[in-house]
Amino acid sequence: MTVRPIVQYPDPRLRQPTAVVTAFDDSLRELAADLLDSMKAAQGIGITAPHIGVLQRVMVIQLTEDESPRTYVNPKVVWSSAEKSRNDEGSISMSDAGAEVERPAKVRITYQDLDGKEHEEEADGLLAVCHQHEIDQLDGIFWVQKLSPLRRERVVKRHEKIQKLRRTAAAAQAAAAQDEK
């Protein structure tokens, strides 16, 4: 179990569709454990393998500390409600920016567990949002692509500005530390 670095937007791996998992073995279990550790370290509630640079259809969701984490292998949405809901979304790969996204209020997904056994799950509320958000990521759709072009541009510019400020602050800290030596 390892905390792996989070791939940061606009890395092209965040927009690549993932490969279907066919081997349900110890390396898959290790990947799932690394995803969970990496998600917790990033203080997220959902993560996909592409977030750590692995282009496989695996995601982990843990909405609260009180619930057990859920690992989904090869998930796909098989039904979504006509009813919509709007929710704030963001990403551990773009942790400094977020926006409201409209999605179906309820979904049904199919997936496999770490042993390859097939399951079906229906969700609403935050879990439905997370299912759709993370499955989009596995399909190569980064969440900002769900925004209008104007809103997407604003979110990306805000993210770029914050990243630039962080780099400047880090460079200033490094220079100050060097001066102290």
N, C-alpha and C. Protein backbone atom coordinates (compact mmCIF):
# COMPACT_ATOMS: atom_id res chain seq x y z
N MET A 1 0.85 -1.17 0.00
CA MET A 1 0.00 0.00 0.00
C MET A 1 0.89 1.24 0.00
N THR A 2 0.71 2.03 -1.04
CA THR A 2 1.57 3.18 -1.26
C THR A 2 0.74 4.39 -1.66
N VAL A 3 1.13 5.54 -1.14
CA VAL A 3 0.53 6.78 -1.61
C VAL A 3 1.29 7.17 -2.87
N ARG A 4 0.59 7.19 -3.98
CA ARG A 4 1.24 7.53 -5.25
C ARG A 4 0.96 8.99 -5.59
N PRO A 5 1.85 9.61 -6.36
CA PRO A 5 1.61 11.01 -6.77
C PRO A 5 0.34 11.10 -7.62
N ILE A 6 -0.39 12.18 -7.42
CA ILE A 6 -1.60 12.43 -8.20
C ILE A 6 -1.24 13.13 -9.50
N VAL A 7 -1.73 12.60 -10.60
CA VAL A 7 -1.54 13.21 -11.92
C VAL A 7 -2.31 14.53 -11.92
N GLN A 8 -1.66 15.61 -12.32
CA GLN A 8 -2.28 16.92 -12.27
C GLN A 8 -2.79 17.38 -13.65
N TYR A 9 -3.92 18.06 -13.63
CA TYR A 9 -4.48 18.66 -14.84
C TYR A 9 -3.47 19.67 -15.36
N PRO A 10 -3.20 19.73 -16.64
CA PRO A 10 -3.87 19.14 -17.81
C PRO A 10 -3.19 17.91 -18.39
N ASP A 11 -2.59 17.09 -17.57
CA ASP A 11 -1.91 15.88 -18.05
C ASP A 11 -2.82 15.10 -19.00
N PRO A 12 -2.32 14.73 -20.19
CA PRO A 12 -3.16 14.05 -21.19
C PRO A 12 -3.72 12.70 -20.73
N ARG A 13 -3.10 12.07 -19.73
CA ARG A 13 -3.63 10.79 -19.24
C ARG A 13 -5.01 10.94 -18.62
N LEU A 14 -5.35 12.16 -18.21
CA LEU A 14 -6.67 12.40 -17.62
C LEU A 14 -7.77 12.43 -18.67
N ARG A 15 -7.39 12.42 -19.94
CA ARG A 15 -8.37 12.44 -21.02
C ARG A 15 -8.27 11.21 -21.92
N GLN A 16 -7.66 10.17 -21.41
CA GLN A 16 -7.54 8.93 -22.19
C GLN A 16 -8.49 7.87 -21.64
N PRO A 17 -9.23 7.23 -22.52
CA PRO A 17 -10.07 6.11 -22.04
C PRO A 17 -9.19 5.00 -21.49
N THR A 18 -9.71 4.29 -20.51
CA THR A 18 -8.93 3.26 -19.83
C THR A 18 -9.21 1.87 -20.39
N ALA A 19 -8.28 0.99 -20.11
CA ALA A 19 -8.39 -0.41 -20.55
C ALA A 19 -9.23 -1.21 -19.56
N VAL A 20 -9.99 -2.14 -20.09
CA VAL A 20 -10.78 -3.05 -19.26
C VAL A 20 -9.83 -3.96 -18.49
N VAL A 21 -10.13 -4.17 -17.22
CA VAL A 21 -9.33 -5.07 -16.39
C VAL A 21 -9.73 -6.51 -16.70
N THR A 22 -8.75 -7.34 -16.98
CA THR A 22 -9.02 -8.76 -17.26
C THR A 22 -8.36 -9.69 -16.26
N ALA A 23 -7.36 -9.19 -15.53
CA ALA A 23 -6.65 -10.01 -14.55
C ALA A 23 -7.05 -9.59 -13.14
N PHE A 24 -7.72 -10.49 -12.44
CA PHE A 24 -8.17 -10.23 -11.08
C PHE A 24 -7.21 -10.94 -10.13
N ASP A 25 -6.08 -10.26 -9.89
CA ASP A 25 -4.98 -10.89 -9.16
C ASP A 25 -4.44 -9.96 -8.09
N ASP A 26 -3.31 -10.32 -7.53
CA ASP A 26 -2.72 -9.52 -6.46
C ASP A 26 -2.32 -8.13 -6.92
N SER A 27 -1.91 -7.98 -8.18
CA SER A 27 -1.53 -6.64 -8.65
C SER A 27 -2.76 -5.72 -8.70
N LEU A 28 -3.92 -6.27 -8.99
CA LEU A 28 -5.16 -5.47 -8.97
C LEU A 28 -5.48 -5.07 -7.53
N ARG A 29 -5.32 -5.99 -6.59
CA ARG A 29 -5.58 -5.66 -5.19
C ARG A 29 -4.60 -4.59 -4.69
N GLU A 30 -3.36 -4.69 -5.13
CA GLU A 30 -2.36 -3.69 -4.76
C GLU A 30 -2.72 -2.32 -5.34
N LEU A 31 -3.17 -2.31 -6.60
CA LEU A 31 -3.60 -1.06 -7.22
C LEU A 31 -4.75 -0.45 -6.43
N ALA A 32 -5.74 -1.27 -6.06
CA ALA A 32 -6.89 -0.77 -5.30
C ALA A 32 -6.46 -0.20 -3.95
N ALA A 33 -5.53 -0.87 -3.28
CA ALA A 33 -5.03 -0.38 -2.00
C ALA A 33 -4.27 0.94 -2.18
N ASP A 34 -3.46 1.03 -3.24
CA ASP A 34 -2.73 2.27 -3.53
C ASP A 34 -3.71 3.40 -3.86
N LEU A 35 -4.77 3.08 -4.60
CA LEU A 35 -5.78 4.10 -4.90
C LEU A 35 -6.41 4.63 -3.61
N LEU A 36 -6.77 3.74 -2.71
CA LEU A 36 -7.39 4.16 -1.46
C LEU A 36 -6.42 5.04 -0.65
N ASP A 37 -5.18 4.60 -0.51
CA ASP A 37 -4.20 5.39 0.25
C ASP A 37 -3.96 6.75 -0.40
N SER A 38 -3.87 6.77 -1.72
CA SER A 38 -3.62 8.02 -2.45
C SER A 38 -4.82 8.96 -2.33
N MET A 39 -6.04 8.41 -2.39
CA MET A 39 -7.25 9.22 -2.25
C MET A 39 -7.32 9.83 -0.86
N LYS A 40 -7.04 9.04 0.16
CA LYS A 40 -7.08 9.56 1.53
C LYS A 40 -6.03 10.65 1.73
N ALA A 41 -4.83 10.44 1.20
CA ALA A 41 -3.76 11.44 1.34
C ALA A 41 -4.14 12.75 0.65
N ALA A 42 -4.88 12.64 -0.45
CA ALA A 42 -5.31 13.84 -1.20
C ALA A 42 -6.62 14.42 -0.65
N GLN A 43 -7.16 13.76 0.38
CA GLN A 43 -8.41 14.19 1.02
C GLN A 43 -9.57 14.21 0.03
N GLY A 44 -9.63 13.18 -0.82
CA GLY A 44 -10.71 13.06 -1.78
C GLY A 44 -11.74 12.05 -1.31
N ILE A 45 -12.84 11.98 -2.07
CA ILE A 45 -13.88 10.99 -1.78
C ILE A 45 -14.01 9.99 -2.92
N GLY A 46 -13.30 10.22 -4.00
CA GLY A 46 -13.30 9.31 -5.14
C GLY A 46 -12.00 9.45 -5.91
N ILE A 47 -11.57 8.34 -6.49
CA ILE A 47 -10.33 8.35 -7.27
C ILE A 47 -10.42 7.25 -8.32
N THR A 48 -9.77 7.48 -9.44
CA THR A 48 -9.66 6.47 -10.49
C THR A 48 -8.19 6.15 -10.72
N ALA A 49 -7.94 5.03 -11.35
CA ALA A 49 -6.56 4.66 -11.66
C ALA A 49 -5.84 5.73 -12.50
N PRO A 50 -6.50 6.40 -13.47
CA PRO A 50 -5.80 7.46 -14.20
C PRO A 50 -5.29 8.60 -13.31
N HIS A 51 -5.94 8.83 -12.16
CA HIS A 51 -5.46 9.87 -11.25
C HIS A 51 -4.07 9.58 -10.71
N ILE A 52 -3.65 8.31 -10.78
CA ILE A 52 -2.28 7.97 -10.37
C ILE A 52 -1.47 7.46 -11.55
N GLY A 53 -1.96 7.73 -12.76
CA GLY A 53 -1.20 7.42 -13.97
C GLY A 53 -1.38 6.02 -14.52
N VAL A 54 -2.36 5.27 -14.02
CA VAL A 54 -2.61 3.90 -14.48
C VAL A 54 -3.89 3.89 -15.31
N LEU A 55 -3.78 3.51 -16.56
CA LEU A 55 -4.93 3.60 -17.47
C LEU A 55 -5.74 2.29 -17.48
N GLN A 56 -6.31 1.97 -16.31
CA GLN A 56 -7.17 0.80 -16.15
C GLN A 56 -8.49 1.24 -15.53
N ARG A 57 -9.56 0.45 -15.80
CA ARG A 57 -10.91 0.79 -15.33
C ARG A 57 -11.12 0.36 -13.87
N VAL A 58 -10.52 1.13 -12.96
CA VAL A 58 -10.66 0.88 -11.53
C VAL A 58 -10.91 2.21 -10.84
N MET A 59 -11.89 2.20 -9.92
CA MET A 59 -12.14 3.40 -9.13
C MET A 59 -12.46 2.99 -7.69
N VAL A 60 -12.17 3.91 -6.78
CA VAL A 60 -12.45 3.71 -5.37
C VAL A 60 -13.24 4.93 -4.88
N ILE A 61 -14.28 4.67 -4.11
CA ILE A 61 -15.10 5.74 -3.54
C ILE A 61 -15.26 5.47 -2.05
N GLN A 62 -15.10 6.53 -1.26
CA GLN A 62 -15.39 6.49 0.17
C GLN A 62 -15.91 7.88 0.54
N LEU A 63 -17.23 7.98 0.66
CA LEU A 63 -17.85 9.28 0.87
C LEU A 63 -17.58 9.86 2.25
N THR A 64 -17.52 9.00 3.28
CA THR A 64 -17.24 9.46 4.64
C THR A 64 -16.28 8.48 5.30
N GLU A 65 -15.62 8.94 6.35
CA GLU A 65 -14.71 8.07 7.10
C GLU A 65 -15.45 6.92 7.76
N ASP A 66 -16.75 7.13 8.03
CA ASP A 66 -17.54 6.11 8.71
C ASP A 66 -17.89 4.92 7.83
N GLU A 67 -17.88 5.11 6.51
CA GLU A 67 -18.24 3.99 5.64
C GLU A 67 -17.00 3.27 5.13
N SER A 68 -17.22 2.06 4.73
CA SER A 68 -16.13 1.28 4.13
C SER A 68 -15.88 1.78 2.72
N PRO A 69 -14.62 1.79 2.29
CA PRO A 69 -14.34 2.17 0.91
C PRO A 69 -14.90 1.12 -0.04
N ARG A 70 -15.29 1.57 -1.22
CA ARG A 70 -15.84 0.68 -2.24
C ARG A 70 -14.93 0.71 -3.47
N THR A 71 -14.56 -0.46 -3.92
CA THR A 71 -13.73 -0.57 -5.13
C THR A 71 -14.59 -1.10 -6.25
N TYR A 72 -14.52 -0.44 -7.39
CA TYR A 72 -15.30 -0.80 -8.57
C TYR A 72 -14.34 -1.09 -9.72
N VAL A 73 -14.45 -2.26 -10.29
CA VAL A 73 -13.61 -2.65 -11.42
C VAL A 73 -14.52 -2.74 -12.65
N ASN A 74 -14.09 -2.16 -13.74
CA ASN A 74 -14.84 -2.13 -15.00
C ASN A 74 -16.27 -1.59 -14.83
N PRO A 75 -16.44 -0.47 -14.09
CA PRO A 75 -17.79 0.04 -13.89
C PRO A 75 -18.33 0.71 -15.15
N LYS A 76 -19.65 0.65 -15.30
CA LYS A 76 -20.30 1.40 -16.37
C LYS A 76 -21.72 1.73 -15.95
N VAL A 77 -22.18 2.88 -16.41
CA VAL A 77 -23.55 3.31 -16.15
C VAL A 77 -24.44 2.59 -17.15
N VAL A 78 -25.46 1.88 -16.63
CA VAL A 78 -26.38 1.15 -17.51
C VAL A 78 -27.76 1.78 -17.56
N TRP A 79 -28.03 2.73 -16.64
CA TRP A 79 -29.30 3.46 -16.63
C TRP A 79 -29.10 4.75 -15.87
N SER A 80 -29.75 5.80 -16.34
CA SER A 80 -29.75 7.06 -15.60
C SER A 80 -31.13 7.67 -15.67
N SER A 81 -31.51 8.38 -14.63
CA SER A 81 -32.85 8.97 -14.54
C SER A 81 -32.96 10.19 -15.44
N ALA A 82 -34.18 10.49 -15.82
CA ALA A 82 -34.44 11.72 -16.57
C ALA A 82 -34.32 12.93 -15.65
N GLU A 83 -34.60 12.71 -14.37
CA GLU A 83 -34.47 13.78 -13.38
C GLU A 83 -33.01 14.17 -13.24
N LYS A 84 -32.76 15.46 -13.16
CA LYS A 84 -31.39 15.97 -13.06
C LYS A 84 -31.15 16.60 -11.69
N SER A 85 -29.90 16.72 -11.33
CA SER A 85 -29.51 17.47 -10.13
C SER A 85 -28.21 18.20 -10.43
N ARG A 86 -28.02 19.30 -9.72
CA ARG A 86 -26.80 20.11 -9.89
C ARG A 86 -25.99 19.99 -8.60
N ASN A 87 -24.70 19.71 -8.76
CA ASN A 87 -23.82 19.53 -7.61
C ASN A 87 -22.46 20.14 -7.89
N ASP A 88 -21.82 20.60 -6.82
CA ASP A 88 -20.45 21.08 -6.96
C ASP A 88 -19.53 19.89 -7.17
N GLU A 89 -18.64 20.02 -8.14
CA GLU A 89 -17.67 18.98 -8.42
C GLU A 89 -16.29 19.59 -8.53
N GLY A 90 -15.31 18.75 -8.38
CA GLY A 90 -13.92 19.12 -8.51
C GLY A 90 -13.13 17.85 -8.74
N SER A 91 -11.82 17.92 -8.59
CA SER A 91 -10.99 16.74 -8.80
C SER A 91 -9.72 16.85 -7.99
N ILE A 92 -9.23 15.71 -7.52
CA ILE A 92 -7.94 15.72 -6.83
C ILE A 92 -6.82 16.07 -7.80
N SER A 93 -7.09 15.99 -9.10
CA SER A 93 -6.10 16.38 -10.11
C SER A 93 -6.17 17.87 -10.44
N MET A 94 -7.11 18.57 -9.81
CA MET A 94 -7.31 20.01 -10.01
C MET A 94 -7.96 20.53 -8.73
N SER A 95 -7.27 20.30 -7.61
CA SER A 95 -7.89 20.47 -6.30
C SER A 95 -8.23 21.91 -5.93
N ASP A 96 -7.73 22.85 -6.68
CA ASP A 96 -7.98 24.24 -6.34
C ASP A 96 -9.13 24.88 -7.11
N ALA A 97 -9.88 24.09 -7.84
CA ALA A 97 -10.98 24.65 -8.65
C ALA A 97 -12.16 23.70 -8.62
N GLY A 98 -13.33 24.27 -8.67
CA GLY A 98 -14.55 23.48 -8.70
C GLY A 98 -15.66 24.28 -9.36
N ALA A 99 -16.73 23.60 -9.72
CA ALA A 99 -17.88 24.27 -10.33
C ALA A 99 -19.08 23.34 -10.24
N GLU A 100 -20.24 23.91 -10.44
CA GLU A 100 -21.48 23.14 -10.40
C GLU A 100 -21.69 22.44 -11.74
N VAL A 101 -22.03 21.14 -11.66
CA VAL A 101 -22.25 20.32 -12.84
C VAL A 101 -23.64 19.69 -12.74
N GLU A 102 -24.36 19.66 -13.86
CA GLU A 102 -25.66 19.01 -13.89
C GLU A 102 -25.50 17.59 -14.42
N ARG A 103 -26.12 16.64 -13.70
CA ARG A 103 -26.06 15.23 -14.08
C ARG A 103 -27.40 14.59 -13.73
N PRO A 104 -27.64 13.37 -14.24
CA PRO A 104 -28.83 12.64 -13.80
C PRO A 104 -28.81 12.45 -12.28
N ALA A 105 -29.98 12.54 -11.66
CA ALA A 105 -30.08 12.45 -10.21
C ALA A 105 -29.86 11.03 -9.69
N LYS A 106 -30.19 10.03 -10.51
CA LYS A 106 -30.04 8.63 -10.11
C LYS A 106 -29.39 7.85 -11.24
N VAL A 107 -28.62 6.85 -10.86
CA VAL A 107 -27.99 5.97 -11.85
C VAL A 107 -27.99 4.53 -11.37
N ARG A 108 -27.86 3.63 -12.31
CA ARG A 108 -27.60 2.23 -12.01
C ARG A 108 -26.32 1.87 -12.74
N ILE A 109 -25.42 1.24 -12.01
CA ILE A 109 -24.15 0.84 -12.63
C ILE A 109 -23.97 -0.67 -12.48
N THR A 110 -23.15 -1.21 -13.38
CA THR A 110 -22.66 -2.57 -13.22
C THR A 110 -21.16 -2.47 -13.02
N TYR A 111 -20.61 -3.42 -12.30
CA TYR A 111 -19.17 -3.42 -12.06
C TYR A 111 -18.77 -4.81 -11.57
N GLN A 112 -17.47 -5.00 -11.46
CA GLN A 112 -16.93 -6.21 -10.88
C GLN A 112 -16.17 -5.86 -9.61
N ASP A 113 -16.10 -6.81 -8.69
CA ASP A 113 -15.31 -6.59 -7.49
C ASP A 113 -13.88 -7.08 -7.76
N LEU A 114 -13.05 -7.07 -6.74
CA LEU A 114 -11.64 -7.44 -6.91
C LEU A 114 -11.44 -8.92 -7.25
N ASP A 115 -12.49 -9.73 -7.08
CA ASP A 115 -12.42 -11.14 -7.45
C ASP A 115 -13.03 -11.41 -8.82
N GLY A 116 -13.56 -10.38 -9.46
CA GLY A 116 -14.17 -10.53 -10.78
C GLY A 116 -15.66 -10.80 -10.75
N LYS A 117 -16.24 -10.89 -9.56
CA LYS A 117 -17.68 -11.14 -9.45
C LYS A 117 -18.46 -9.90 -9.89
N GLU A 118 -19.52 -10.13 -10.68
CA GLU A 118 -20.32 -9.02 -11.22
C GLU A 118 -21.36 -8.55 -10.21
N HIS A 119 -21.58 -7.23 -10.19
CA HIS A 119 -22.54 -6.60 -9.29
C HIS A 119 -23.30 -5.51 -10.04
N GLU A 120 -24.44 -5.15 -9.47
CA GLU A 120 -25.22 -4.02 -9.98
C GLU A 120 -25.56 -3.16 -8.76
N GLU A 121 -25.53 -1.85 -8.94
CA GLU A 121 -25.79 -0.95 -7.82
C GLU A 121 -26.57 0.25 -8.32
N GLU A 122 -27.59 0.65 -7.58
CA GLU A 122 -28.34 1.85 -7.90
C GLU A 122 -27.96 2.91 -6.88
N ALA A 123 -27.84 4.15 -7.33
CA ALA A 123 -27.41 5.22 -6.43
C ALA A 123 -28.13 6.52 -6.76
N ASP A 124 -28.27 7.34 -5.72
CA ASP A 124 -28.74 8.71 -5.89
C ASP A 124 -27.88 9.60 -5.01
N GLY A 125 -28.16 10.87 -4.99
CA GLY A 125 -27.40 11.79 -4.16
C GLY A 125 -25.92 11.83 -4.52
N LEU A 126 -25.10 12.04 -3.50
CA LEU A 126 -23.65 12.19 -3.72
C LEU A 126 -23.03 10.95 -4.34
N LEU A 127 -23.50 9.76 -3.97
CA LEU A 127 -22.93 8.54 -4.56
C LEU A 127 -23.18 8.49 -6.06
N ALA A 128 -24.38 8.90 -6.50
CA ALA A 128 -24.68 8.93 -7.94
C ALA A 128 -23.76 9.92 -8.66
N VAL A 129 -23.53 11.06 -8.04
CA VAL A 129 -22.62 12.06 -8.62
C VAL A 129 -21.23 11.46 -8.76
N CYS A 130 -20.75 10.82 -7.69
CA CYS A 130 -19.40 10.23 -7.72
C CYS A 130 -19.28 9.12 -8.76
N HIS A 131 -20.30 8.26 -8.83
CA HIS A 131 -20.27 7.22 -9.86
C HIS A 131 -20.09 7.84 -11.24
N GLN A 132 -20.92 8.81 -11.56
CA GLN A 132 -20.86 9.41 -12.90
C GLN A 132 -19.55 10.15 -13.14
N HIS A 133 -19.11 10.90 -12.14
CA HIS A 133 -17.88 11.67 -12.26
C HIS A 133 -16.68 10.75 -12.51
N GLU A 134 -16.57 9.70 -11.71
CA GLU A 134 -15.41 8.81 -11.83
C GLU A 134 -15.50 7.93 -13.08
N ILE A 135 -16.69 7.48 -13.45
CA ILE A 135 -16.82 6.69 -14.67
C ILE A 135 -16.52 7.54 -15.89
N ASP A 136 -16.94 8.81 -15.88
CA ASP A 136 -16.54 9.73 -16.95
C ASP A 136 -15.01 9.76 -17.05
N GLN A 137 -14.34 9.88 -15.89
CA GLN A 137 -12.88 9.92 -15.89
C GLN A 137 -12.30 8.66 -16.52
N LEU A 138 -12.87 7.51 -16.21
CA LEU A 138 -12.40 6.26 -16.81
C LEU A 138 -12.64 6.21 -18.31
N ASP A 139 -13.65 6.96 -18.77
CA ASP A 139 -13.95 7.05 -20.21
C ASP A 139 -13.14 8.15 -20.90
N GLY A 140 -12.26 8.82 -20.16
CA GLY A 140 -11.42 9.88 -20.74
C GLY A 140 -12.10 11.24 -20.76
N ILE A 141 -13.12 11.41 -19.95
CA ILE A 141 -13.83 12.70 -19.88
C ILE A 141 -13.50 13.35 -18.55
N PHE A 142 -12.66 14.39 -18.58
CA PHE A 142 -12.34 15.11 -17.36
C PHE A 142 -13.50 16.03 -17.03
N TRP A 143 -13.83 16.19 -15.77
CA TRP A 143 -15.06 16.84 -15.33
C TRP A 143 -15.28 18.22 -15.93
N VAL A 144 -14.23 18.98 -16.22
CA VAL A 144 -14.44 20.33 -16.77
C VAL A 144 -15.05 20.28 -18.17
N GLN A 145 -14.94 19.13 -18.84
CA GLN A 145 -15.56 18.99 -20.16
C GLN A 145 -17.08 19.00 -20.07
N LYS A 146 -17.64 18.82 -18.88
CA LYS A 146 -19.09 18.86 -18.67
C LYS A 146 -19.61 20.29 -18.53
N LEU A 147 -18.70 21.26 -18.46
CA LEU A 147 -19.07 22.66 -18.30
C LEU A 147 -19.23 23.34 -19.65
N SER A 148 -19.97 24.45 -19.66
CA SER A 148 -20.05 25.25 -20.88
C SER A 148 -18.65 25.78 -21.19
N PRO A 149 -18.37 26.13 -22.44
CA PRO A 149 -17.02 26.63 -22.77
C PRO A 149 -16.60 27.82 -21.91
N LEU A 150 -17.51 28.74 -21.64
CA LEU A 150 -17.17 29.91 -20.84
C LEU A 150 -16.84 29.52 -19.40
N ARG A 151 -17.67 28.68 -18.79
CA ARG A 151 -17.42 28.25 -17.41
C ARG A 151 -16.14 27.43 -17.34
N ARG A 152 -15.91 26.57 -18.33
CA ARG A 152 -14.68 25.76 -18.36
C ARG A 152 -13.46 26.68 -18.42
N GLU A 153 -13.51 27.69 -19.28
CA GLU A 153 -12.39 28.63 -19.41
C GLU A 153 -12.11 29.33 -18.08
N ARG A 154 -13.16 29.76 -17.39
CA ARG A 154 -12.99 30.43 -16.10
C ARG A 154 -12.36 29.50 -15.06
N VAL A 155 -12.82 28.27 -15.00
CA VAL A 155 -12.28 27.31 -14.04
C VAL A 155 -10.81 27.02 -14.35
N VAL A 156 -10.49 26.79 -15.61
CA VAL A 156 -9.12 26.49 -16.00
C VAL A 156 -8.20 27.68 -15.71
N LYS A 157 -8.66 28.89 -16.02
CA LYS A 157 -7.83 30.08 -15.74
C LYS A 157 -7.61 30.26 -14.24
N ARG A 158 -8.65 30.03 -13.45
CA ARG A 158 -8.50 30.13 -11.99
C ARG A 158 -7.48 29.09 -11.50
N HIS A 159 -7.58 27.87 -12.02
CA HIS A 159 -6.64 26.81 -11.65
C HIS A 159 -5.21 27.21 -12.04
N GLU A 160 -5.02 27.70 -13.25
CA GLU A 160 -3.69 28.10 -13.71
C GLU A 160 -3.12 29.23 -12.85
N LYS A 161 -3.96 30.18 -12.48
CA LYS A 161 -3.51 31.30 -11.65
C LYS A 161 -3.06 30.81 -10.28
N ILE A 162 -3.84 29.94 -9.67
CA ILE A 162 -3.48 29.40 -8.35
C ILE A 162 -2.20 28.57 -8.44
N GLN A 163 -2.05 27.78 -9.50
CA GLN A 163 -0.84 26.99 -9.67
C GLN A 163 0.39 27.88 -9.81
N LYS A 164 0.24 28.98 -10.55
CA LYS A 164 1.35 29.93 -10.73
C LYS A 164 1.72 30.55 -9.38
N LEU A 165 0.72 30.93 -8.59
CA LEU A 165 0.98 31.50 -7.27
C LEU A 165 1.70 30.48 -6.37
N ARG A 166 1.28 29.23 -6.44
CA ARG A 166 1.93 28.19 -5.63
C ARG A 166 3.38 27.99 -6.04
N ARG A 167 3.63 27.99 -7.37
CA ARG A 167 5.02 27.83 -7.83
C ARG A 167 5.88 29.00 -7.37
N THR A 168 5.32 30.21 -7.45
CA THR A 168 6.06 31.40 -7.03
C THR A 168 6.37 31.34 -5.53
N ALA A 169 5.37 30.95 -4.73
CA ALA A 169 5.58 30.83 -3.29
C ALA A 169 6.61 29.76 -2.97
N ALA A 170 6.55 28.63 -3.67
CA ALA A 170 7.51 27.55 -3.43
C ALA A 170 8.93 28.00 -3.80
N ALA A 171 9.06 28.74 -4.90
CA ALA A 171 10.37 29.24 -5.31
C ALA A 171 10.91 30.24 -4.28
N ALA A 172 10.05 31.07 -3.74
CA ALA A 172 10.46 32.04 -2.73
C ALA A 172 10.90 31.32 -1.45
N GLN A 173 10.17 30.28 -1.06
CA GLN A 173 10.56 29.50 0.13
C GLN A 173 11.90 28.81 -0.09
N ALA A 174 12.09 28.26 -1.27
CA ALA A 174 13.36 27.58 -1.57
C ALA A 174 14.52 28.57 -1.54
N ALA A 175 14.30 29.76 -2.09
CA ALA A 175 15.34 30.77 -2.09
C ALA A 175 15.65 31.23 -0.66
N ALA A 176 14.62 31.40 0.16
CA ALA A 176 14.82 31.81 1.56
C ALA A 176 15.59 30.72 2.32
N ALA A 177 15.25 29.47 2.08
CA ALA A 177 15.95 28.37 2.74
C ALA A 177 17.40 28.31 2.31
N GLN A 178 17.66 28.59 1.05
CA GLN A 178 19.02 28.58 0.53
C GLN A 178 19.83 29.72 1.16
N ASP A 179 19.18 30.88 1.34
CA ASP A 179 19.86 32.04 1.94
C ASP A 179 20.24 31.77 3.40
N GLU A 180 19.43 30.95 4.09
CA GLU A 180 19.71 30.64 5.49
C GLU A 180 20.92 29.74 5.65
N LYS A 181 21.26 29.01 4.60
CA LYS A 181 22.41 28.08 4.68
C LYS A 181 23.66 28.85 4.55
